[in-house]
């Protein structure tokens, strides 16, 4: 961007839009578990919060995805099933 950094403010419309996307485009339901490997940064926390509104469980992972072995995320997904 140009100039000084600017604060970004969002209202509840973002959460409602994500809820709509999750329900209609990904068919996320209360019986599902959602895992999306990313930092829960400014965008992904909104998405994860909206997923909770569907009743689905959100699975999070903090740390190196390849520790202690390269298949760590796959094993975690199998355990959360």
N, C-alpha and C. Protein backbone atom coordinates (compact mmCIF):
# COMPACT_ATOMS: atom_id res chain seq x y z
N UNK A 1 0.83 -1.18 0.00
CA UNK A 1 0.00 0.00 0.00
C UNK A 1 0.87 1.24 0.00
N UNK A 2 0.27 2.35 -0.27
CA UNK A 2 1.00 3.60 -0.24
C UNK A 2 0.60 4.37 1.01
N UNK A 3 1.51 5.16 1.49
CA UNK A 3 1.22 5.99 2.65
C UNK A 3 1.33 5.21 3.95
N UNK A 4 0.86 5.84 4.99
CA UNK A 4 0.92 5.25 6.33
C UNK A 4 -0.04 4.05 6.44
N UNK A 5 0.29 3.11 7.30
CA UNK A 5 -0.63 1.98 7.51
C UNK A 5 -1.97 2.48 8.03
N UNK A 6 -3.02 1.82 7.61
CA UNK A 6 -4.37 2.21 7.99
C UNK A 6 -5.05 1.09 8.75
N UNK A 7 -5.82 1.44 9.71
CA UNK A 7 -6.57 0.47 10.49
C UNK A 7 -7.69 -0.11 9.62
N UNK A 8 -7.94 -1.40 9.77
CA UNK A 8 -9.01 -2.03 9.01
C UNK A 8 -10.12 -2.41 9.98
N UNK A 9 -11.29 -1.93 9.73
CA UNK A 9 -12.44 -2.23 10.60
C UNK A 9 -13.49 -2.97 9.80
N UNK A 10 -14.04 -4.02 10.40
CA UNK A 10 -15.08 -4.79 9.73
C UNK A 10 -16.24 -4.99 10.70
N UNK A 11 -17.40 -5.09 10.15
CA UNK A 11 -18.59 -5.33 10.97
C UNK A 11 -19.00 -6.78 10.92
N UNK A 12 -20.18 -7.07 11.41
CA UNK A 12 -20.65 -8.46 11.47
C UNK A 12 -20.98 -9.02 10.09
N UNK A 13 -21.03 -8.19 9.07
CA UNK A 13 -21.33 -8.67 7.73
C UNK A 13 -20.32 -9.68 7.23
N UNK A 14 -19.07 -9.54 7.65
CA UNK A 14 -18.04 -10.49 7.24
C UNK A 14 -18.35 -11.87 7.81
N UNK A 15 -18.71 -11.93 9.08
CA UNK A 15 -19.02 -13.22 9.69
C UNK A 15 -20.24 -13.87 9.04
N UNK A 16 -21.23 -13.05 8.71
CA UNK A 16 -22.42 -13.59 8.05
C UNK A 16 -22.10 -14.10 6.65
N UNK A 17 -21.24 -13.39 5.94
CA UNK A 17 -20.83 -13.83 4.61
C UNK A 17 -20.08 -15.16 4.70
N UNK A 18 -19.18 -15.29 5.67
CA UNK A 18 -18.46 -16.55 5.84
C UNK A 18 -19.41 -17.68 6.21
N UNK A 19 -20.37 -17.39 7.08
CA UNK A 19 -21.35 -18.40 7.46
C UNK A 19 -22.11 -18.89 6.23
N UNK A 20 -22.49 -17.96 5.37
CA UNK A 20 -23.18 -18.33 4.13
C UNK A 20 -22.28 -19.19 3.25
N UNK A 21 -21.01 -18.79 3.10
CA UNK A 21 -20.08 -19.57 2.28
C UNK A 21 -19.90 -20.98 2.83
N UNK A 22 -19.73 -21.08 4.15
CA UNK A 22 -19.51 -22.39 4.76
C UNK A 22 -20.73 -23.29 4.62
N UNK A 23 -21.91 -22.72 4.81
CA UNK A 23 -23.13 -23.53 4.74
C UNK A 23 -23.49 -23.90 3.31
N UNK A 24 -23.38 -22.97 2.39
CA UNK A 24 -23.81 -23.23 1.02
C UNK A 24 -22.72 -23.82 0.13
N UNK A 25 -21.50 -23.34 0.26
CA UNK A 25 -20.45 -23.77 -0.67
C UNK A 25 -19.65 -24.97 -0.18
N UNK A 26 -19.51 -25.12 1.13
CA UNK A 26 -18.76 -26.26 1.64
C UNK A 26 -19.65 -27.29 2.32
N UNK A 27 -20.95 -26.98 2.44
CA UNK A 27 -21.91 -27.90 3.06
C UNK A 27 -21.50 -28.28 4.47
N UNK A 28 -20.92 -27.33 5.21
CA UNK A 28 -20.49 -27.59 6.58
C UNK A 28 -21.71 -27.68 7.49
N UNK A 29 -21.76 -28.74 8.30
CA UNK A 29 -22.92 -28.98 9.17
C UNK A 29 -22.47 -29.24 10.60
N UNK A 30 -23.43 -29.32 11.49
CA UNK A 30 -23.13 -29.49 12.92
C UNK A 30 -22.37 -30.78 13.22
N UNK A 31 -22.52 -31.78 12.40
CA UNK A 31 -21.84 -33.06 12.65
C UNK A 31 -20.41 -33.09 12.10
N UNK A 32 -19.97 -32.01 11.47
CA UNK A 32 -18.65 -31.97 10.82
C UNK A 32 -17.57 -31.39 11.73
N UNK A 33 -16.33 -31.68 11.35
CA UNK A 33 -15.16 -31.05 11.96
C UNK A 33 -14.44 -30.30 10.85
N UNK A 34 -13.99 -29.10 11.15
CA UNK A 34 -13.30 -28.27 10.16
C UNK A 34 -11.86 -28.07 10.58
N UNK A 35 -10.95 -28.38 9.66
CA UNK A 35 -9.53 -28.09 9.88
C UNK A 35 -9.02 -27.39 8.65
N UNK A 36 -8.40 -26.26 8.85
CA UNK A 36 -7.79 -25.50 7.76
C UNK A 36 -6.43 -25.07 8.27
N UNK A 37 -5.37 -25.61 7.69
CA UNK A 37 -4.04 -25.29 8.20
C UNK A 37 -3.62 -23.91 7.73
N UNK A 38 -3.53 -23.02 8.66
CA UNK A 38 -3.11 -21.64 8.40
C UNK A 38 -2.93 -20.99 9.76
N UNK A 39 -2.30 -19.85 9.76
CA UNK A 39 -2.30 -19.09 11.00
C UNK A 39 -3.70 -18.54 11.19
N UNK A 40 -4.14 -18.41 12.42
CA UNK A 40 -5.45 -17.82 12.67
C UNK A 40 -5.28 -16.30 12.67
N UNK A 41 -4.87 -15.81 11.54
CA UNK A 41 -4.59 -14.39 11.40
C UNK A 41 -5.88 -13.63 11.13
N UNK A 42 -5.77 -12.45 10.65
CA UNK A 42 -6.92 -11.56 10.52
C UNK A 42 -8.05 -12.15 9.71
N UNK A 43 -7.78 -13.00 8.74
CA UNK A 43 -8.86 -13.55 7.92
C UNK A 43 -9.35 -14.89 8.46
N UNK A 44 -8.44 -15.75 8.84
CA UNK A 44 -8.84 -17.10 9.20
C UNK A 44 -9.59 -17.18 10.53
N UNK A 45 -9.35 -16.27 11.46
CA UNK A 45 -10.13 -16.34 12.70
C UNK A 45 -11.59 -16.04 12.41
N UNK A 46 -11.86 -15.15 11.45
CA UNK A 46 -13.24 -14.87 11.05
C UNK A 46 -13.90 -16.13 10.49
N UNK A 47 -13.18 -16.82 9.65
CA UNK A 47 -13.70 -18.01 9.00
C UNK A 47 -13.96 -19.12 10.03
N UNK A 48 -13.01 -19.31 10.96
CA UNK A 48 -13.17 -20.33 11.99
C UNK A 48 -14.32 -19.99 12.93
N UNK A 49 -14.45 -18.73 13.28
CA UNK A 49 -15.55 -18.30 14.14
C UNK A 49 -16.88 -18.54 13.45
N UNK A 50 -16.96 -18.23 12.18
CA UNK A 50 -18.19 -18.47 11.43
C UNK A 50 -18.50 -19.96 11.36
N UNK A 51 -17.48 -20.79 11.28
CA UNK A 51 -17.71 -22.24 11.25
C UNK A 51 -18.37 -22.71 12.54
N UNK A 52 -18.02 -22.09 13.65
CA UNK A 52 -18.66 -22.46 14.92
C UNK A 52 -20.15 -22.17 14.88
N UNK A 53 -20.54 -21.14 14.13
CA UNK A 53 -21.97 -20.78 14.03
C UNK A 53 -22.77 -21.85 13.30
N UNK A 54 -22.13 -22.72 12.53
CA UNK A 54 -22.83 -23.82 11.87
C UNK A 54 -23.05 -24.98 12.83
N UNK A 55 -22.37 -24.94 13.97
CA UNK A 55 -22.42 -26.03 14.92
C UNK A 55 -21.28 -27.02 14.75
N UNK A 56 -20.46 -26.84 13.73
CA UNK A 56 -19.33 -27.73 13.48
C UNK A 56 -18.24 -27.49 14.52
N UNK A 57 -17.41 -28.49 14.72
CA UNK A 57 -16.25 -28.35 15.61
C UNK A 57 -15.07 -27.85 14.79
N UNK A 58 -14.30 -26.96 15.35
CA UNK A 58 -13.11 -26.44 14.68
C UNK A 58 -11.89 -27.10 15.31
N UNK A 59 -11.07 -27.72 14.48
CA UNK A 59 -9.84 -28.37 14.93
C UNK A 59 -8.69 -27.42 14.60
N UNK A 60 -7.89 -27.10 15.61
CA UNK A 60 -6.76 -26.20 15.38
C UNK A 60 -5.45 -26.92 15.67
N UNK A 61 -4.39 -26.40 15.11
CA UNK A 61 -3.06 -26.96 15.33
C UNK A 61 -2.10 -25.80 15.45
N UNK A 62 -1.31 -25.80 16.48
CA UNK A 62 -0.33 -24.75 16.71
C UNK A 62 1.05 -25.36 16.66
N UNK A 63 1.86 -24.91 15.73
CA UNK A 63 3.22 -25.42 15.67
C UNK A 63 3.64 -25.82 14.27
N UNK A 64 4.77 -26.46 14.21
CA UNK A 64 5.36 -26.91 12.96
C UNK A 64 4.56 -28.09 12.41
N UNK A 65 4.01 -27.97 11.19
CA UNK A 65 3.19 -29.06 10.65
C UNK A 65 3.99 -30.32 10.31
N UNK A 66 5.29 -30.22 10.30
CA UNK A 66 6.11 -31.37 9.98
C UNK A 66 6.83 -31.93 11.20
N UNK A 67 6.39 -31.54 12.40
CA UNK A 67 7.03 -32.04 13.61
C UNK A 67 6.10 -32.97 14.35
N UNK A 68 6.47 -34.09 14.80
CA UNK A 68 7.81 -34.65 14.76
C UNK A 68 8.12 -35.37 13.44
N UNK A 69 7.08 -35.63 12.62
CA UNK A 69 7.30 -36.25 11.31
C UNK A 69 6.48 -35.51 10.27
N UNK A 70 6.80 -35.73 9.01
CA UNK A 70 6.14 -35.01 7.91
C UNK A 70 4.66 -35.36 7.76
N UNK A 71 4.22 -36.47 8.33
CA UNK A 71 2.81 -36.85 8.21
C UNK A 71 1.98 -36.41 9.42
N UNK A 72 2.48 -35.48 10.21
CA UNK A 72 1.81 -35.06 11.44
C UNK A 72 0.37 -34.60 11.21
N UNK A 73 0.14 -33.75 10.22
CA UNK A 73 -1.21 -33.24 9.98
C UNK A 73 -2.16 -34.36 9.53
N UNK A 74 -1.66 -35.30 8.75
CA UNK A 74 -2.51 -36.41 8.32
C UNK A 74 -2.90 -37.29 9.51
N UNK A 75 -1.95 -37.53 10.41
CA UNK A 75 -2.26 -38.32 11.61
C UNK A 75 -3.27 -37.58 12.50
N UNK A 76 -3.10 -36.26 12.61
CA UNK A 76 -4.02 -35.48 13.41
C UNK A 76 -5.43 -35.53 12.83
N UNK A 77 -5.53 -35.44 11.51
CA UNK A 77 -6.84 -35.51 10.86
C UNK A 77 -7.49 -36.87 11.10
N UNK A 78 -6.72 -37.93 11.03
CA UNK A 78 -7.25 -39.27 11.28
C UNK A 78 -7.71 -39.41 12.73
N UNK A 79 -6.98 -38.82 13.66
CA UNK A 79 -7.36 -38.89 15.08
C UNK A 79 -8.62 -38.09 15.38
N UNK A 80 -8.83 -36.99 14.65
CA UNK A 80 -9.98 -36.13 14.89
C UNK A 80 -11.24 -36.67 14.22
N UNK A 81 -11.10 -37.66 13.42
CA UNK A 81 -12.22 -38.21 12.67
C UNK A 81 -13.29 -38.78 13.50
